[in-house]
Amino acid sequence: MSSSIKSSKQSSRPVSKPGKTYRLNRYLADCGLGSRRKVESLVTDGKIVVNGKVCTDLSMQITEDQDIVQYSGKELKRKQDKIYIILNKPAGFVVSAQDEYSRKTVYDLLPEKYANLPYAGRLDKGSEGLLLFTNDGELIKQLTHPSHKVVKSYRVDIDKKLSHNDLIRLRNGVEIEGGITQKAGVFVKKHDESGMTLKIEIHEGRKRQIRQMIQALGAKVVALRRLQFGPLVLKDLPVGRWRELTPAEIFALRRATDNQNRGKQ
C-alpha cells in the first residue's frame, strides 16, 4: 500500500529538463563580455558571481536557465544563436504569425521551433518565392530599409503585352500609392499577344508595389514570384520547402549590407 502511494507521489512530480551546460569562460564570452581568454581575468579577479557567490573557478560548469550568473550586479544571458532560413513560399499563404481569418500562414510550413522567427520582406498572399527568416534583427533592418537599396528580383506574368513606352515608364517610375516609384530594372523574358513575362528588379519595398506598378499601366499581374533578395537566390528550392542558409550565403548577405553602408559614408 505504502509503496504504491510513494510511487504515485513520485509520478506526479513535474520532470525538470536540464538546460545546456557550458564552461564558465565560454558562457561569459557568449554573453558578450569578450573572448574566452579575456573573460578569464574577470573570473580570476573575482568579478563574476554565480548563484549569489563569487566564483573564481574557471572550470565551473554553467547550466543555462538554471544557474544565475552576474557581472557588476547585472544578470548575464547568452546571446541568442543566430538562425537564417529560406522558404520558397507558395501562393495562398499569408506572411504572418497569426491570421484573424484563420487562413494558412507561412509558419504552417515551418517546424514549430521557428514559430516566432521574424521574416525579412513581406510577400502578399497571392505571391510566391523567396522569403527569408532570421532572428538577426540588425540584418533585417539593413536588408529592408529603402535607404540601403538592396535589390529584390521578381518574375512577373501579366495579362497584357506592354508597349515600348510602357516599359520605359515602368523603368523610370510610375505613380502608385505613396508617390512615384524609383527607377527599376525591367527585362522582357517572353511575350505574345495575350501577355508578357517580365523580370523586375526594385530596391524599394512598398506594399503590393509590383502589382501596383503593373496596374498603373492598365495591366494585371497573373503570377508573381520573388527570385532573389540581395545576393540570396532562390535557385531550385521546391515550392513549400525551406532550408538553412549556408555560411557563404550568410557572409554574402552581411557583406552586401556592409558595402551599402560604406557607400553612404
Protein backbone atom coordinates (compact mmCIF):
# COMPACT_ATOMS: atom_id res chain seq x y z
CA MET A 1 0.00 0.00 0.00
CA SER A 2 2.67 2.46 1.10
CA SER A 3 4.86 1.65 -1.91
CA SER A 4 2.00 2.32 -4.29
CA ILE A 5 1.31 5.67 -2.62
CA LYS A 6 5.00 6.58 -2.82
CA SER A 7 5.04 5.61 -6.47
CA SER A 8 2.01 7.77 -7.12
CA LYS A 9 3.59 10.80 -5.49
CA GLN A 10 6.78 10.40 -7.47
CA SER A 11 4.97 10.14 -10.80
CA SER A 12 3.02 13.34 -10.09
CA ARG A 13 6.12 15.48 -9.81
CA PRO A 14 6.95 17.57 -12.88
CA VAL A 15 10.06 16.47 -14.70
CA SER A 16 12.61 19.26 -14.96
CA LYS A 17 14.72 19.05 -18.11
CA PRO A 18 18.25 20.30 -17.54
CA GLY A 19 19.40 23.15 -19.75
CA LYS A 20 22.51 23.09 -21.90
CA THR A 21 25.75 23.23 -19.92
CA TYR A 22 28.71 25.49 -20.75
CA ARG A 23 32.13 26.02 -19.25
CA LEU A 24 32.12 29.37 -17.42
CA ASN A 25 34.55 31.20 -19.72
CA ARG A 26 32.60 30.16 -22.80
CA TYR A 27 29.33 31.21 -21.17
CA LEU A 28 30.73 34.65 -20.37
CA ALA A 29 32.08 35.04 -23.90
CA ASP A 30 28.69 34.07 -25.34
CA CYS A 31 27.15 36.79 -23.16
CA GLY A 32 29.28 39.37 -24.97
CA LEU A 33 31.94 40.09 -22.32
CA GLY A 34 34.82 39.41 -24.70
CA SER A 35 36.88 36.45 -25.89
CA ARG A 36 37.20 33.35 -23.72
CA ARG A 37 40.74 34.30 -22.74
CA LYS A 38 39.71 37.88 -21.98
CA VAL A 39 36.88 36.88 -19.65
CA GLU A 40 39.13 34.55 -17.68
CA SER A 41 40.63 37.59 -15.94
CA LEU A 42 37.15 38.64 -14.83
CA VAL A 43 36.75 35.25 -13.17
CA THR A 44 40.18 35.13 -11.52
CA ASP A 45 39.76 38.73 -10.32
CA GLY A 46 36.56 37.71 -8.50
CA LYS A 47 34.23 39.87 -10.59
CA ILE A 48 31.84 37.07 -11.55
CA VAL A 49 29.04 35.94 -9.24
CA VAL A 50 27.32 32.57 -9.74
CA ASN A 51 24.14 31.82 -7.79
CA GLY A 52 24.91 34.60 -5.31
CA LYS A 53 28.54 33.64 -4.65
CA VAL A 54 31.77 34.97 -6.12
CA CYS A 55 33.21 32.35 -8.47
CA THR A 56 36.92 32.16 -9.30
CA ASP A 57 36.82 28.61 -10.65
CA LEU A 58 37.47 28.64 -14.40
CA SER A 59 36.28 25.03 -14.71
CA MET A 60 32.84 25.89 -13.29
CA GLN A 61 30.02 24.45 -15.44
CA ILE A 62 27.03 26.72 -16.02
CA THR A 63 23.63 25.20 -16.78
CA GLU A 64 21.63 27.60 -18.89
CA ASP A 65 18.23 28.69 -17.48
CA GLN A 66 19.14 27.22 -14.06
CA ASP A 67 22.30 28.97 -12.86
CA ILE A 68 22.27 32.74 -12.31
CA VAL A 69 25.47 34.43 -13.48
CA GLN A 70 26.10 38.11 -12.68
CA TYR A 71 28.68 40.75 -13.54
CA SER A 72 28.64 44.23 -11.96
CA GLY A 73 25.31 43.38 -10.36
CA LYS A 74 23.59 42.50 -13.64
CA GLU A 75 22.42 39.05 -14.66
CA LEU A 76 24.05 37.74 -17.81
CA LYS A 77 22.28 35.84 -20.59
CA ARG A 78 23.84 34.18 -23.59
CA LYS A 79 23.17 35.99 -26.81
CA GLN A 80 20.71 34.02 -28.88
CA ASP A 81 22.25 31.87 -31.58
CA LYS A 82 21.58 33.42 -34.98
CA ILE A 83 19.23 31.47 -37.26
CA TYR A 84 18.90 32.03 -41.02
CA ILE A 85 16.48 30.05 -43.17
CA ILE A 86 14.92 30.50 -46.58
CA LEU A 87 11.43 29.38 -47.65
CA ASN A 88 10.01 29.05 -51.15
CA LYS A 89 6.58 30.46 -50.30
CA PRO A 90 3.61 29.05 -52.21
CA ALA A 91 0.73 31.26 -53.31
CA GLY A 92 -2.23 31.19 -50.91
CA PHE A 93 -0.23 31.51 -47.68
CA VAL A 94 -0.29 34.67 -45.55
CA VAL A 95 3.02 36.11 -44.33
CA SER A 96 2.01 36.50 -40.70
CA ALA A 97 2.49 34.62 -37.45
CA GLN A 98 -1.28 34.65 -36.85
CA ASP A 99 -4.24 35.44 -39.06
CA GLU A 100 -7.57 36.72 -37.79
CA TYR A 101 -9.40 34.90 -40.59
CA SER A 102 -7.72 31.54 -39.81
CA ARG A 103 -6.02 31.44 -43.20
CA LYS A 104 -2.91 29.36 -43.78
CA THR A 105 0.30 31.18 -42.85
CA VAL A 106 3.91 30.64 -43.87
CA TYR A 107 4.61 29.42 -40.33
CA ASP A 108 2.44 26.40 -41.06
CA LEU A 109 5.23 25.36 -43.45
CA LEU A 110 8.00 25.65 -40.84
CA PRO A 111 8.91 23.49 -37.83
CA GLU A 112 7.37 24.54 -34.53
CA LYS A 113 10.77 25.71 -33.25
CA TYR A 114 10.66 28.52 -35.83
CA ALA A 115 7.16 29.68 -34.85
CA ASN A 116 8.45 33.06 -33.61
CA LEU A 117 11.24 33.58 -36.15
CA PRO A 118 10.89 37.02 -37.80
CA TYR A 119 10.83 37.40 -41.57
CA ALA A 120 12.51 39.96 -43.83
CA GLY A 121 10.47 41.40 -46.67
CA ARG A 122 6.79 40.52 -46.81
CA LEU A 123 5.13 38.80 -49.78
CA ASP A 124 1.37 39.12 -50.22
CA LYS A 125 -0.94 36.11 -50.11
CA GLY A 126 -1.08 35.63 -53.88
CA SER A 127 2.68 35.87 -54.39
CA GLU A 128 5.26 33.15 -54.08
CA GLY A 129 9.01 32.75 -53.93
CA LEU A 130 11.93 33.63 -51.72
CA LEU A 131 11.19 34.52 -48.11
CA LEU A 132 14.00 34.97 -45.57
CA PHE A 133 13.53 34.28 -41.85
CA THR A 134 16.10 35.26 -39.23
CA ASN A 135 16.42 36.41 -35.63
CA ASP A 136 19.25 38.70 -36.75
CA GLY A 137 17.32 41.92 -36.27
CA GLU A 138 20.12 44.18 -37.47
CA LEU A 139 20.40 42.24 -40.74
CA ILE A 140 16.63 42.52 -41.32
CA LYS A 141 16.87 46.27 -40.81
CA GLN A 142 19.77 46.55 -43.25
CA LEU A 143 18.05 44.41 -45.88
CA THR A 144 14.62 46.01 -45.79
CA HIS A 145 15.18 49.73 -45.20
CA PRO A 146 14.82 51.63 -48.52
CA SER A 147 17.93 53.73 -47.80
CA HIS A 148 20.13 50.63 -48.14
CA LYS A 149 18.91 49.98 -51.70
CA VAL A 150 19.07 46.18 -51.50
CA VAL A 151 17.82 44.83 -54.84
CA LYS A 152 14.92 42.37 -54.96
CA SER A 153 14.22 40.49 -58.18
CA TYR A 154 10.84 39.13 -59.34
CA ARG A 155 9.42 37.07 -62.19
CA VAL A 156 6.12 38.68 -63.15
CA ASP A 157 3.49 37.26 -65.51
CA ILE A 158 0.98 39.86 -66.69
CA ASP A 159 -2.20 39.69 -68.77
CA LYS A 160 -1.28 42.32 -71.36
CA LYS A 161 1.52 42.99 -73.82
CA LEU A 162 3.07 46.30 -72.79
CA SER A 163 4.27 48.83 -75.34
CA HIS A 164 7.83 50.12 -75.57
CA ASN A 165 6.70 53.37 -73.92
CA ASP A 166 5.02 51.41 -71.11
CA LEU A 167 8.28 49.61 -70.38
CA ILE A 168 10.18 52.92 -70.31
CA ARG A 169 7.62 54.31 -67.84
CA LEU A 170 7.97 51.21 -65.70
CA ARG A 171 11.76 51.62 -65.65
CA ASN A 172 11.71 55.35 -64.88
CA GLY A 173 8.91 55.36 -62.30
CA VAL A 174 5.13 55.27 -62.22
CA GLU A 175 2.59 56.79 -59.86
CA ILE A 176 1.33 54.38 -57.20
CA GLU A 177 0.06 54.74 -53.65
CA GLY A 178 2.65 56.77 -51.76
CA GLY A 179 4.15 58.50 -54.80
CA ILE A 180 6.21 57.79 -57.90
CA THR A 181 8.32 54.65 -57.77
CA GLN A 182 12.09 54.84 -58.02
CA LYS A 183 13.89 53.54 -61.09
CA ALA A 184 13.57 49.80 -61.66
CA GLY A 185 15.23 47.17 -63.77
CA VAL A 186 12.69 45.76 -66.24
CA PHE A 187 13.57 42.94 -68.64
CA VAL A 188 11.23 41.21 -71.09
CA LYS A 189 11.66 37.42 -70.83
CA LYS A 190 8.90 36.44 -73.24
CA HIS A 191 5.70 37.84 -74.72
CA ASP A 192 2.82 37.12 -77.05
CA GLU A 193 -0.49 38.80 -77.81
CA SER A 194 -2.06 37.51 -74.58
CA GLY A 195 0.56 38.82 -72.17
CA MET A 196 4.17 39.06 -71.07
CA THR A 197 6.67 37.64 -68.63
CA LEU A 198 8.94 40.24 -67.08
CA LYS A 199 11.88 40.22 -64.71
CA ILE A 200 11.58 43.26 -62.46
CA GLU A 201 14.28 44.47 -60.07
CA ILE A 202 13.44 47.02 -57.37
CA HIS A 203 15.10 48.22 -54.19
CA GLU A 204 12.01 49.65 -52.56
CA GLY A 205 9.55 47.57 -50.56
CA ARG A 206 6.18 49.26 -50.62
CA LYS A 207 3.00 47.28 -50.04
CA ARG A 208 1.99 45.36 -53.19
CA GLN A 209 4.44 47.53 -55.12
CA ILE A 210 4.94 45.33 -58.19
CA ARG A 211 1.19 44.76 -58.56
CA GLN A 212 0.52 48.50 -58.27
CA MET A 213 3.23 49.32 -60.83
CA ILE A 214 1.69 46.96 -63.38
CA GLN A 215 -1.82 48.16 -62.60
CA ALA A 216 -0.71 51.76 -63.25
CA LEU A 217 -0.11 50.72 -66.87
CA GLY A 218 -3.57 49.22 -67.28
CA ALA A 219 -2.45 45.60 -66.91
CA LYS A 220 -2.83 42.98 -64.18
CA VAL A 221 -0.39 40.59 -62.53
CA VAL A 222 -1.28 36.95 -63.15
CA ALA A 223 1.60 35.43 -61.18
CA LEU A 224 4.37 36.94 -59.07
CA ARG A 225 7.44 35.15 -57.78
CA ARG A 226 10.42 36.59 -55.89
CA LEU A 227 13.62 35.07 -57.23
CA GLN A 228 16.33 36.98 -55.40
CA PHE A 229 16.82 39.14 -52.31
CA GLY A 230 20.19 40.92 -52.44
CA PRO A 231 22.79 38.19 -53.04
CA LEU A 232 20.41 35.45 -51.85
CA VAL A 233 18.98 33.42 -54.75
CA LEU A 234 16.01 31.02 -54.63
CA LYS A 235 17.59 28.55 -57.09
CA ASP A 236 15.92 25.11 -57.20
CA LEU A 237 14.35 25.00 -53.72
CA PRO A 238 10.95 23.28 -54.19
CA VAL A 239 7.77 25.27 -53.56
CA GLY A 240 6.68 24.98 -49.92
CA ARG A 241 10.09 23.78 -48.72
CA TRP A 242 12.66 25.52 -46.54
CA ARG A 243 16.36 25.14 -45.79
CA GLU A 244 19.07 26.73 -43.67
CA LEU A 245 21.35 29.25 -45.33
CA THR A 246 24.92 28.19 -45.97
CA PRO A 247 27.78 30.08 -44.26
CA ALA A 248 28.69 31.52 -47.69
CA GLU A 249 25.17 32.89 -48.15
CA ILE A 250 25.15 34.47 -44.69
CA PHE A 251 28.54 36.03 -45.36
CA ALA A 252 27.29 37.39 -48.71
CA LEU A 253 24.23 38.98 -47.09
CA ARG A 254 26.34 40.69 -44.45
CA ARG A 255 28.91 41.83 -46.99
CA ALA A 256 26.18 43.26 -49.23
CA THR A 257 24.73 45.38 -46.41
CA ASP A 258 28.21 46.42 -45.25
CA ASN A 259 29.01 47.63 -48.78
CA GLN A 260 25.79 49.64 -48.88
CA ASN A 261 26.67 51.28 -45.57
CA ARG A 262 30.17 52.19 -46.78
CA GLY A 263 28.68 53.64 -49.96
CA LYS A 264 26.58 56.08 -47.92
CA GLN A 265 29.51 57.39 -45.91
